C-alpha atoms as a PDB file:
ATOM      1  CA  MET A   1      27.705  -8.300 -40.817  1.00  0.00           C
ATOM      2  CA  ASN A   2      29.199  -4.919 -41.639  1.00  0.00           C
ATOM      3  CA  GLN A   3      30.678  -5.202 -45.113  1.00  0.00           C
ATOM      4  CA  GLN A   4      32.250  -1.755 -44.672  1.00  0.00           C
ATOM      5  CA  SER A   5      34.329  -2.820 -41.686  1.00  0.00           C
ATOM      6  CA  PRO A   6      37.982  -3.812 -42.221  1.00  0.00           C
ATOM      7  CA  ALA A   7      38.816  -7.480 -42.509  1.00  0.00           C
ATOM      8  CA  ILE A   8      41.153  -7.132 -39.512  1.00  0.00           C
ATOM      9  CA  ASP A   9      41.543  -4.182 -37.152  1.00  0.00           C
ATOM     10  CA  LEU A  10      44.310  -4.403 -34.537  1.00  0.00           C
ATOM     11  CA  ARG A  11      44.612  -1.626 -31.969  1.00  0.00           C
ATOM     12  CA  HIS A  12      47.660  -1.890 -29.699  1.00  0.00           C
ATOM     13  CA  ALA A  13      47.005  -5.643 -29.632  1.00  0.00           C
ATOM     14  CA  SER A  14      49.214  -7.938 -27.544  1.00  0.00           C
ATOM     15  CA  PHE A  15      49.011 -11.733 -27.582  1.00  0.00           C
ATOM     16  CA  SER A  16      50.209 -14.354 -25.115  1.00  0.00           C
ATOM     17  CA  TYR A  17      50.110 -18.113 -24.505  1.00  0.00           C
ATOM     18  CA  GLY A  18      51.037 -17.559 -20.861  1.00  0.00           C
ATOM     19  CA  ALA A  19      52.456 -14.836 -18.666  1.00  0.00           C
ATOM     20  CA  ALA A  20      54.682 -12.893 -21.070  1.00  0.00           C
ATOM     21  CA  PRO A  21      53.331 -11.597 -24.410  1.00  0.00           C
ATOM     22  CA  GLN A  22      54.758 -13.280 -27.517  1.00  0.00           C
ATOM     23  CA  LEU A  23      53.752 -10.293 -29.653  1.00  0.00           C
ATOM     24  CA  SER A  24      53.109  -6.808 -28.310  1.00  0.00           C
ATOM     25  CA  ASP A  25      51.430  -3.539 -29.257  1.00  0.00           C
ATOM     26  CA  VAL A  26      50.418  -4.214 -32.865  1.00  0.00           C
ATOM     27  CA  THR A  27      48.296  -1.539 -34.499  1.00  0.00           C
ATOM     28  CA  ALA A  28      47.334  -2.236 -38.118  1.00  0.00           C
ATOM     29  CA  THR A  29      44.297  -2.367 -40.382  1.00  0.00           C
ATOM     30  CA  VAL A  30      43.849  -5.001 -43.077  1.00  0.00           C
ATOM     31  CA  GLU A  31      41.200  -3.850 -45.520  1.00  0.00           C
ATOM     32  CA  ARG A  32      38.910  -6.274 -47.310  1.00  0.00           C
ATOM     33  CA  GLY A  33      40.588  -7.597 -50.426  1.00  0.00           C
ATOM     34  CA  ASP A  34      44.111  -6.967 -49.133  1.00  0.00           C
ATOM     35  CA  ALA A  35      46.773  -9.664 -49.387  1.00  0.00           C
ATOM     36  CA  VAL A  36      49.250  -9.276 -46.532  1.00  0.00           C
ATOM     37  CA  ALA A  37      52.562 -11.084 -45.980  1.00  0.00           C
ATOM     38  CA  LEU A  38      53.734 -11.484 -42.378  1.00  0.00           C
ATOM     39  CA  VAL A  39      57.525 -11.465 -42.476  1.00  0.00           C
ATOM     40  CA  GLY A  40      59.958 -11.985 -39.618  1.00  0.00           C
ATOM     41  CA  PRO A  41      62.458 -14.437 -38.131  1.00  0.00           C
ATOM     42  CA  ASN A  42      61.469 -17.653 -36.356  1.00  0.00           C
ATOM     43  CA  GLY A  43      59.784 -16.826 -33.061  1.00  0.00           C
ATOM     44  CA  SER A  44      58.888 -13.310 -34.175  1.00  0.00           C
ATOM     45  CA  GLY A  45      55.161 -13.734 -33.556  1.00  0.00           C
ATOM     46  CA  LYS A  46      53.855 -14.511 -37.047  1.00  0.00           C
ATOM     47  CA  SER A  47      52.015 -17.698 -36.049  1.00  0.00           C
ATOM     48  CA  THR A  48      50.937 -16.053 -32.800  1.00  0.00           C
ATOM     49  CA  LEU A  49      49.272 -13.238 -34.740  1.00  0.00           C
ATOM     50  CA  LEU A  50      47.432 -15.679 -37.017  1.00  0.00           C
ATOM     51  CA  LYS A  51      46.171 -17.631 -33.992  1.00  0.00           C
ATOM     52  CA  GLY A  52      45.185 -14.388 -32.291  1.00  0.00           C
ATOM     53  CA  ILE A  53      43.065 -13.467 -35.318  1.00  0.00           C
ATOM     54  CA  LEU A  54      41.438 -16.913 -35.002  1.00  0.00           C
ATOM     55  CA  GLY A  55      40.784 -16.428 -31.287  1.00  0.00           C
ATOM     56  CA  LEU A  56      43.116 -19.291 -30.351  1.00  0.00           C
ATOM     57  CA  VAL A  57      45.580 -17.130 -28.408  1.00  0.00           C
ATOM     58  CA  ASP A  58      44.766 -14.811 -25.515  1.00  0.00           C
ATOM     59  CA  VAL A  59      44.589 -11.097 -26.273  1.00  0.00           C
ATOM     60  CA  VAL A  60      46.287  -9.606 -23.211  1.00  0.00           C
ATOM     61  CA  GLY A  61      46.199  -6.005 -24.347  1.00  0.00           C
ATOM     62  CA  GLY A  62      44.468  -3.778 -26.850  1.00  0.00           C
ATOM     63  CA  GLU A  63      41.699  -4.812 -29.229  1.00  0.00           C
ATOM     64  CA  VAL A  64      41.262  -7.290 -32.088  1.00  0.00           C
ATOM     65  CA  HIS A  65      38.335  -7.019 -34.502  1.00  0.00           C
ATOM     66  CA  VAL A  66      37.836  -9.498 -37.341  1.00  0.00           C
ATOM     67  CA  LEU A  67      35.225  -8.960 -40.093  1.00  0.00           C
ATOM     68  CA  GLY A  68      33.560  -6.389 -37.869  1.00  0.00           C
ATOM     69  CA  GLY A  69      33.310  -8.499 -34.702  1.00  0.00           C
ATOM     70  CA  SER A  70      35.260 -10.623 -32.277  1.00  0.00           C
ATOM     71  CA  PRO A  71      37.613 -13.339 -33.594  1.00  0.00           C
ATOM     72  CA  ARG A  72      35.348 -16.140 -32.364  1.00  0.00           C
ATOM     73  CA  TRP A  73      32.279 -14.474 -33.881  1.00  0.00           C
ATOM     74  CA  ALA A  74      34.042 -14.229 -37.256  1.00  0.00           C
ATOM     75  CA  LEU A  75      35.487 -17.763 -37.168  1.00  0.00           C
ATOM     76  CA  PRO A  76      32.839 -19.438 -39.411  1.00  0.00           C
ATOM     77  CA  ARG A  77      33.885 -17.112 -42.269  1.00  0.00           C
ATOM     78  CA  VAL A  78      37.634 -17.571 -41.827  1.00  0.00           C
ATOM     79  CA  GLY A  79      39.683 -20.262 -43.583  1.00  0.00           C
ATOM     80  CA  TYR A  80      42.940 -21.421 -41.993  1.00  0.00           C
ATOM     81  CA  LEU A  81      45.855 -23.460 -43.310  1.00  0.00           C
ATOM     82  CA  SER A  82      48.131 -24.282 -40.392  1.00  0.00           C
ATOM     83  CA  GLN A  83      51.849 -24.952 -40.566  1.00  0.00           C
ATOM     84  CA  LEU A  84      51.431 -28.382 -38.975  1.00  0.00           C
ATOM     85  CA  SER A  85      48.753 -30.620 -40.466  1.00  0.00           C
ATOM     86  CA  ASP A  86      46.179 -32.160 -38.129  1.00  0.00           C
ATOM     87  CA  VAL A  87      45.564 -34.935 -40.660  1.00  0.00           C
ATOM     88  CA  ASP A  88      47.234 -38.320 -40.096  1.00  0.00           C
ATOM     89  CA  ARG A  89      48.807 -38.824 -43.504  1.00  0.00           C
ATOM     90  CA  GLU A  90      48.820 -42.599 -43.006  1.00  0.00           C
ATOM     91  CA  PHE A  91      45.101 -42.820 -42.161  1.00  0.00           C
ATOM     92  CA  PRO A  92      43.181 -44.399 -45.076  1.00  0.00           C
ATOM     93  CA  VAL A  93      41.072 -41.469 -46.249  1.00  0.00           C
ATOM     94  CA  SER A  94      40.760 -40.026 -49.732  1.00  0.00           C
ATOM     95  CA  LEU A  95      41.593 -36.466 -50.704  1.00  0.00           C
ATOM     96  CA  ARG A  96      37.869 -35.791 -51.133  1.00  0.00           C
ATOM     97  CA  GLN A  97      37.188 -37.023 -47.579  1.00  0.00           C
ATOM     98  CA  VAL A  98      39.924 -34.785 -46.178  1.00  0.00           C
ATOM     99  CA  VAL A  99      38.506 -31.761 -47.991  1.00  0.00           C
ATOM    100  CA  MET A 100      34.996 -32.626 -46.734  1.00  0.00           C
ATOM    101  CA  MET A 101      36.350 -32.229 -43.184  1.00  0.00           C
ATOM    102  CA  GLY A 102      36.202 -28.504 -43.833  1.00  0.00           C
ATOM    103  CA  ARG A 103      32.398 -28.735 -43.891  1.00  0.00           C
ATOM    104  CA  TYR A 104      32.059 -30.530 -40.539  1.00  0.00           C
ATOM    105  CA  ARG A 105      31.872 -27.325 -38.506  1.00  0.00           C
ATOM    106  CA  SER A 106      28.892 -26.168 -40.586  1.00  0.00           C
ATOM    107  CA  LEU A 107      27.234 -29.585 -40.616  1.00  0.00           C
ATOM    108  CA  GLY A 108      27.296 -30.193 -36.866  1.00  0.00           C
ATOM    109  CA  LEU A 109      26.968 -33.647 -35.329  1.00  0.00           C
ATOM    110  CA  MET A 110      23.618 -34.763 -36.708  1.00  0.00           C
ATOM    111  CA  ARG A 111      23.777 -33.874 -40.400  1.00  0.00           C
ATOM    112  CA  TRP A 112      25.220 -35.788 -43.327  1.00  0.00           C
ATOM    113  CA  PRO A 113      26.816 -33.828 -46.166  1.00  0.00           C
ATOM    114  CA  GLY A 114      24.218 -32.662 -48.634  1.00  0.00           C
ATOM    115  CA  LYS A 115      24.328 -31.710 -52.288  1.00  0.00           C
ATOM    116  CA  ARG A 116      25.648 -28.219 -51.557  1.00  0.00           C
ATOM    117  CA  ASP A 117      28.401 -29.548 -49.271  1.00  0.00           C
ATOM    118  CA  LYS A 118      29.527 -31.989 -51.953  1.00  0.00           C
ATOM    119  CA  GLN A 119      29.496 -29.230 -54.581  1.00  0.00           C
ATOM    120  CA  LEU A 120      31.602 -26.949 -52.360  1.00  0.00           C
ATOM    121  CA  VAL A 121      34.106 -29.770 -51.890  1.00  0.00           C
ATOM    122  CA  ASP A 122      34.302 -30.480 -55.624  1.00  0.00           C
ATOM    123  CA  ASP A 123      34.683 -26.757 -56.376  1.00  0.00           C
ATOM    124  CA  ALA A 124      37.476 -26.383 -53.803  1.00  0.00           C
ATOM    125  CA  ILE A 125      39.360 -29.393 -55.175  1.00  0.00           C
ATOM    126  CA  GLU A 126      39.019 -28.004 -58.692  1.00  0.00           C
ATOM    127  CA  ARG A 127      40.238 -24.607 -57.524  1.00  0.00           C
ATOM    128  CA  VAL A 128      43.526 -26.043 -56.267  1.00  0.00           C
ATOM    129  CA  GLY A 129      43.936 -28.096 -59.463  1.00  0.00           C
ATOM    130  CA  LEU A 130      43.511 -31.583 -57.991  1.00  0.00           C
ATOM    131  CA  THR A 131      40.241 -32.820 -59.516  1.00  0.00           C
ATOM    132  CA  ASP A 132      42.015 -35.794 -61.105  1.00  0.00           C
ATOM    133  CA  GLN A 133      43.398 -36.790 -57.679  1.00  0.00           C
ATOM    134  CA  ALA A 134      40.155 -36.470 -55.675  1.00  0.00           C
ATOM    135  CA  GLY A 135      39.621 -40.203 -55.209  1.00  0.00           C
ATOM    136  CA  ARG A 136      43.211 -41.066 -54.286  1.00  0.00           C
ATOM    137  CA  MET A 137      44.267 -41.854 -50.737  1.00  0.00           C
ATOM    138  CA  PHE A 138      45.571 -38.707 -49.090  1.00  0.00           C
ATOM    139  CA  GLY A 139      48.751 -40.467 -47.952  1.00  0.00           C
ATOM    140  CA  GLU A 140      49.592 -41.427 -51.540  1.00  0.00           C
ATOM    141  CA  LEU A 141      49.774 -37.815 -52.669  1.00  0.00           C
ATOM    142  CA  SER A 142      53.011 -35.858 -52.762  1.00  0.00           C
ATOM    143  CA  GLY A 143      53.688 -33.386 -49.970  1.00  0.00           C
ATOM    144  CA  GLY A 144      52.845 -30.494 -52.260  1.00  0.00           C
ATOM    145  CA  GLN A 145      49.572 -32.089 -53.365  1.00  0.00           C
ATOM    146  CA  GLN A 146      48.666 -32.699 -49.724  1.00  0.00           C
ATOM    147  CA  GLN A 147      49.308 -29.027 -48.956  1.00  0.00           C
ATOM    148  CA  ARG A 148      47.063 -27.974 -51.828  1.00  0.00           C
ATOM    149  CA  GLY A 149      44.431 -30.433 -50.574  1.00  0.00           C
ATOM    150  CA  LEU A 150      44.537 -28.863 -47.115  1.00  0.00           C
ATOM    151  CA  LEU A 151      44.081 -25.456 -48.727  1.00  0.00           C
ATOM    152  CA  ALA A 152      41.018 -26.855 -50.508  1.00  0.00           C
ATOM    153  CA  ARG A 153      39.691 -27.958 -47.123  1.00  0.00           C
ATOM    154  CA  ALA A 154      40.071 -24.384 -45.854  1.00  0.00           C
ATOM    155  CA  LEU A 155      38.207 -23.081 -48.920  1.00  0.00           C
ATOM    156  CA  THR A 156      35.081 -25.172 -48.287  1.00  0.00           C
ATOM    157  CA  VAL A 157      33.901 -22.641 -45.691  1.00  0.00           C
ATOM    158  CA  GLU A 158      33.733 -20.033 -48.497  1.00  0.00           C
ATOM    159  CA  PRO A 159      36.049 -17.781 -46.493  1.00  0.00           C
ATOM    160  CA  GLU A 160      35.967 -14.017 -46.587  1.00  0.00           C
ATOM    161  CA  LEU A 161      39.349 -14.124 -44.855  1.00  0.00           C
ATOM    162  CA  LEU A 162      42.044 -16.755 -45.506  1.00  0.00           C
ATOM    163  CA  LEU A 163      44.943 -17.233 -43.068  1.00  0.00           C
ATOM    164  CA  LEU A 164      48.005 -19.241 -44.155  1.00  0.00           C
ATOM    165  CA  ASP A 165      50.949 -20.225 -41.954  1.00  0.00           C
ATOM    166  CA  GLU A 166      54.116 -20.762 -44.063  1.00  0.00           C
ATOM    167  CA  PRO A 167      52.142 -22.420 -46.895  1.00  0.00           C
ATOM    168  CA  PHE A 168      55.128 -22.774 -49.258  1.00  0.00           C
ATOM    169  CA  ASN A 169      57.517 -24.571 -46.923  1.00  0.00           C
ATOM    170  CA  GLY A 170      59.059 -27.584 -48.659  1.00  0.00           C
ATOM    171  CA  LEU A 171      57.091 -27.306 -51.907  1.00  0.00           C
ATOM    172  CA  ASP A 172      58.671 -28.209 -55.236  1.00  0.00           C
ATOM    173  CA  GLN A 173      58.416 -25.720 -58.095  1.00  0.00           C
ATOM    174  CA  HIS A 174      55.328 -27.329 -59.680  1.00  0.00           C
ATOM    175  CA  ASN A 175      53.259 -27.275 -56.481  1.00  0.00           C
ATOM    176  CA  ARG A 176      54.597 -23.850 -55.564  1.00  0.00           C
ATOM    177  CA  SER A 177      53.443 -22.451 -58.908  1.00  0.00           C
ATOM    178  CA  ALA A 178      50.039 -24.138 -58.565  1.00  0.00           C
ATOM    179  CA  LEU A 179      49.574 -22.698 -55.067  1.00  0.00           C
ATOM    180  CA  LEU A 180      50.648 -19.241 -56.223  1.00  0.00           C
ATOM    181  CA  ALA A 181      48.090 -19.374 -59.032  1.00  0.00           C
ATOM    182  CA  THR A 182      45.341 -20.373 -56.607  1.00  0.00           C
ATOM    183  CA  LEU A 183      46.170 -17.558 -54.184  1.00  0.00           C
ATOM    184  CA  ASN A 184      46.285 -14.984 -56.979  1.00  0.00           C
ATOM    185  CA  SER A 185      42.892 -16.209 -58.186  1.00  0.00           C
ATOM    186  CA  LEU A 186      41.426 -15.937 -54.682  1.00  0.00           C
ATOM    187  CA  ARG A 187      42.841 -12.438 -54.293  1.00  0.00           C
ATOM    188  CA  ASP A 188      41.315 -11.433 -57.630  1.00  0.00           C
ATOM    189  CA  ASP A 189      37.958 -12.700 -56.330  1.00  0.00           C
ATOM    190  CA  GLY A 190      38.192 -10.384 -53.335  1.00  0.00           C
ATOM    191  CA  VAL A 191      39.186 -12.883 -50.636  1.00  0.00           C
ATOM    192  CA  THR A 192      41.362 -11.214 -47.998  1.00  0.00           C
ATOM    193  CA  ILE A 193      44.601 -13.175 -47.533  1.00  0.00           C
ATOM    194  CA  VAL A 194      47.099 -13.032 -44.674  1.00  0.00           C
ATOM    195  CA  THR A 195      50.093 -15.369 -44.974  1.00  0.00           C
ATOM    196  CA  SER A 196      53.233 -15.798 -42.921  1.00  0.00           C
ATOM    197  CA  THR A 197      56.377 -16.434 -44.945  1.00  0.00           C
ATOM    198  CA  HIS A 198      60.157 -16.247 -45.008  1.00  0.00           C
ATOM    199  CA  ASP A 199      60.024 -15.881 -48.780  1.00  0.00           C
ATOM    200  CA  LEU A 200      60.138 -12.230 -49.762  1.00  0.00           C
ATOM    201  CA  GLN A 201      59.637 -13.118 -53.424  1.00  0.00           C
ATOM    202  CA  LEU A 202      56.290 -14.641 -52.466  1.00  0.00           C
ATOM    203  CA  ALA A 203      55.413 -11.389 -50.735  1.00  0.00           C
ATOM    204  CA  ARG A 204      56.095  -9.477 -53.924  1.00  0.00           C
ATOM    205  CA  VAL A 205      54.244 -11.902 -56.229  1.00  0.00           C
ATOM    206  CA  VAL A 206      51.083 -12.512 -54.189  1.00  0.00           C
ATOM    207  CA  CYS A 207      50.738  -9.745 -51.645  1.00  0.00           C
ATOM    208  CA  THR A 208      49.785  -6.075 -51.753  1.00  0.00           C
ATOM    209  CA  LYS A 209      51.113  -5.272 -48.267  1.00  0.00           C
ATOM    210  CA  VAL A 210      53.801  -6.502 -45.892  1.00  0.00           C
ATOM    211  CA  MET A 211      53.836  -6.585 -42.090  1.00  0.00           C
ATOM    212  CA  LEU A 212      57.348  -6.860 -40.615  1.00  0.00           C
ATOM    213  CA  LEU A 213      57.323  -8.439 -37.157  1.00  0.00           C
ATOM    214  CA  ASN A 214      59.844  -9.245 -34.464  1.00  0.00           C
ATOM    215  CA  LYS A 215      58.011  -9.532 -31.141  1.00  0.00           C
ATOM    216  CA  LYS A 216      56.416  -6.230 -32.095  1.00  0.00           C
ATOM    217  CA  LEU A 217      55.366  -4.407 -35.254  1.00  0.00           C
ATOM    218  CA  ILE A 218      58.420  -3.087 -37.103  1.00  0.00           C
ATOM    219  CA  ALA A 219      56.642  -1.766 -40.202  1.00  0.00           C
ATOM    220  CA  TYR A 220      53.423  -2.218 -42.166  1.00  0.00           C
ATOM    221  CA  GLY A 221      52.486  -0.923 -45.583  1.00  0.00           C
ATOM    222  CA  PRO A 222      52.593  -1.489 -49.357  1.00  0.00           C
ATOM    223  CA  VAL A 223      55.169  -4.036 -50.512  1.00  0.00           C
ATOM    224  CA  GLU A 224      57.350  -1.567 -52.401  1.00  0.00           C
ATOM    225  CA  GLU A 225      57.492   0.804 -49.406  1.00  0.00           C
ATOM    226  CA  THR A 226      58.005  -1.821 -46.700  1.00  0.00           C
ATOM    227  CA  LEU A 227      60.477  -4.304 -48.167  1.00  0.00           C
ATOM    228  CA  LYS A 228      63.332  -1.819 -47.886  1.00  0.00           C
ATOM    229  CA  LEU A 229      66.711  -3.164 -46.868  1.00  0.00           C
ATOM    230  CA  PRO A 230      67.046  -1.109 -43.639  1.00  0.00           C
ATOM    231  CA  LEU A 231      63.606  -2.222 -42.421  1.00  0.00           C
ATOM    232  CA  VAL A 232      64.230  -5.879 -43.297  1.00  0.00           C
ATOM    233  CA  GLU A 233      67.637  -5.768 -41.586  1.00  0.00           C
ATOM    234  CA  GLN A 234      66.014  -4.251 -38.515  1.00  0.00           C
ATOM    235  CA  THR A 235      63.376  -6.990 -38.524  1.00  0.00           C
ATOM    236  CA  PHE A 236      65.922  -9.796 -38.841  1.00  0.00           C
ATOM    237  CA  GLU A 237      68.389  -8.028 -36.546  1.00  0.00           C
ATOM    238  CA  GLY A 238      70.996  -7.786 -39.284  1.00  0.00           C
ATOM    239  CA  SER A 239      70.995 -11.466 -40.250  1.00  0.00           C
ATOM    240  CA  LEU A 240      69.496 -12.134 -43.676  1.00  0.00           C
ATOM    241  CA  ALA A 241      70.782 -15.701 -43.986  1.00  0.00           C
ATOM    242  CA  HIS A 242      67.249 -17.116 -44.401  1.00  0.00           C
ATOM    243  CA  VAL A 243      65.885 -14.298 -46.544  1.00  0.00           C
ATOM    244  CA  ASP A 244      65.715 -14.006 -50.317  1.00  0.00           C
ATOM    245  CA  ASP A 245      67.383 -10.583 -50.441  1.00  0.00           C
ATOM    246  CA  HIS A 246      66.863 -10.313 -54.210  1.00  0.00           C
ATOM    247  CA  SER A 247      63.340  -9.255 -53.292  1.00  0.00           C
ATOM    248  CA  VAL A 248      64.463  -6.500 -50.934  1.00  0.00           C
ATOM    249  CA  VAL A 249      64.440  -2.975 -52.281  1.00  0.00           C
ATOM    250  CA  PRO A 250      67.544  -0.983 -51.298  1.00  0.00           C
ATOM    251  CA  THR A 251      66.729   2.427 -49.848  1.00  0.00           C
ATOM    252  CA  GLY A 252      65.766   4.849 -52.599  1.00  0.00           C
ATOM    253  CA  HIS A 253      66.074   2.288 -55.411  1.00  0.00           C
ATOM    254  CA  GLU A 254      63.610  -0.293 -56.610  1.00  0.00           C
ATOM    255  CA  HIS A 255      64.605  -3.302 -58.637  1.00  0.00           C
ATOM    256  CA  ASP A 256      62.605  -6.281 -59.795  1.00  0.00           C
END
C-alpha cells in the first residue's frame, strides 16, 4: 500500500448503471485526511460517485484510483454507510450483533469472531456513544441510534476511508450532535471522510472541502472558497428551496 498516494484520485471519471452516464467527467483529488462534502440536488450523482468509489457502479470513462489502487482492491479498507439500511429493523438481533456484521467480510465463512473482532466491535460501539445500548434489540432503538449503530458497523473494518450517504437525514438534534462529534473525532484521527449531504451547515462544521455536483463536477475546493452563492445557485439550477442558505457565502463576503 502506498501511503503517499491520495485517498481518491478521479481523472475524467464517468459512471453509469446502464447506457447513459449518471455522472460525467469528474476530475478531483481527495488527499488522505480530507473531509469532503458532496453537495447537489437529488439525482445529481452524489450516491453514484460514492458507489463508483466502492466499485459498485461501472466506470465508463476515465480513471478511478482509491487508496493507491482499484476500488475493489481498496474495498477492505473502506467503510460505507448507505442511505438505505440493509438491516431488517424488525429482525430480532441486538445492536452488538448488527455491528459485528461489519467483521463478516474479514472473517470469511469458516471463522467465528475472535477476541480482536469482539474488541473492535466494542470499540466501535463506544466510539458512537452507544455502549449502554449494546445489548438492546436493534429494532427497539430510535432511528438516530440505529443510524449511529450502522456507522459503528462501518467502523469495525478500521477504515482508512469512510463513505457516508446522507447520514443526517431524519436525525433529531441529540443524535445529529452525537454523529457530528463522532465524525469530527474520526477526522482528527486522520480518517478520510466523504459524505453526501443537502445540509450546507454540516459541510461547514465537519468538512474541509466541498464538491458541488449536478451530473458533472461544478466546483471542488476548500469550503470557504466553494460554498459561494453563485456556485451553489449554479449547482441547484437557481432553486435553493432544500438548501440551508445561511451556510452559503455571498460572493466576496464571508459570514458565519
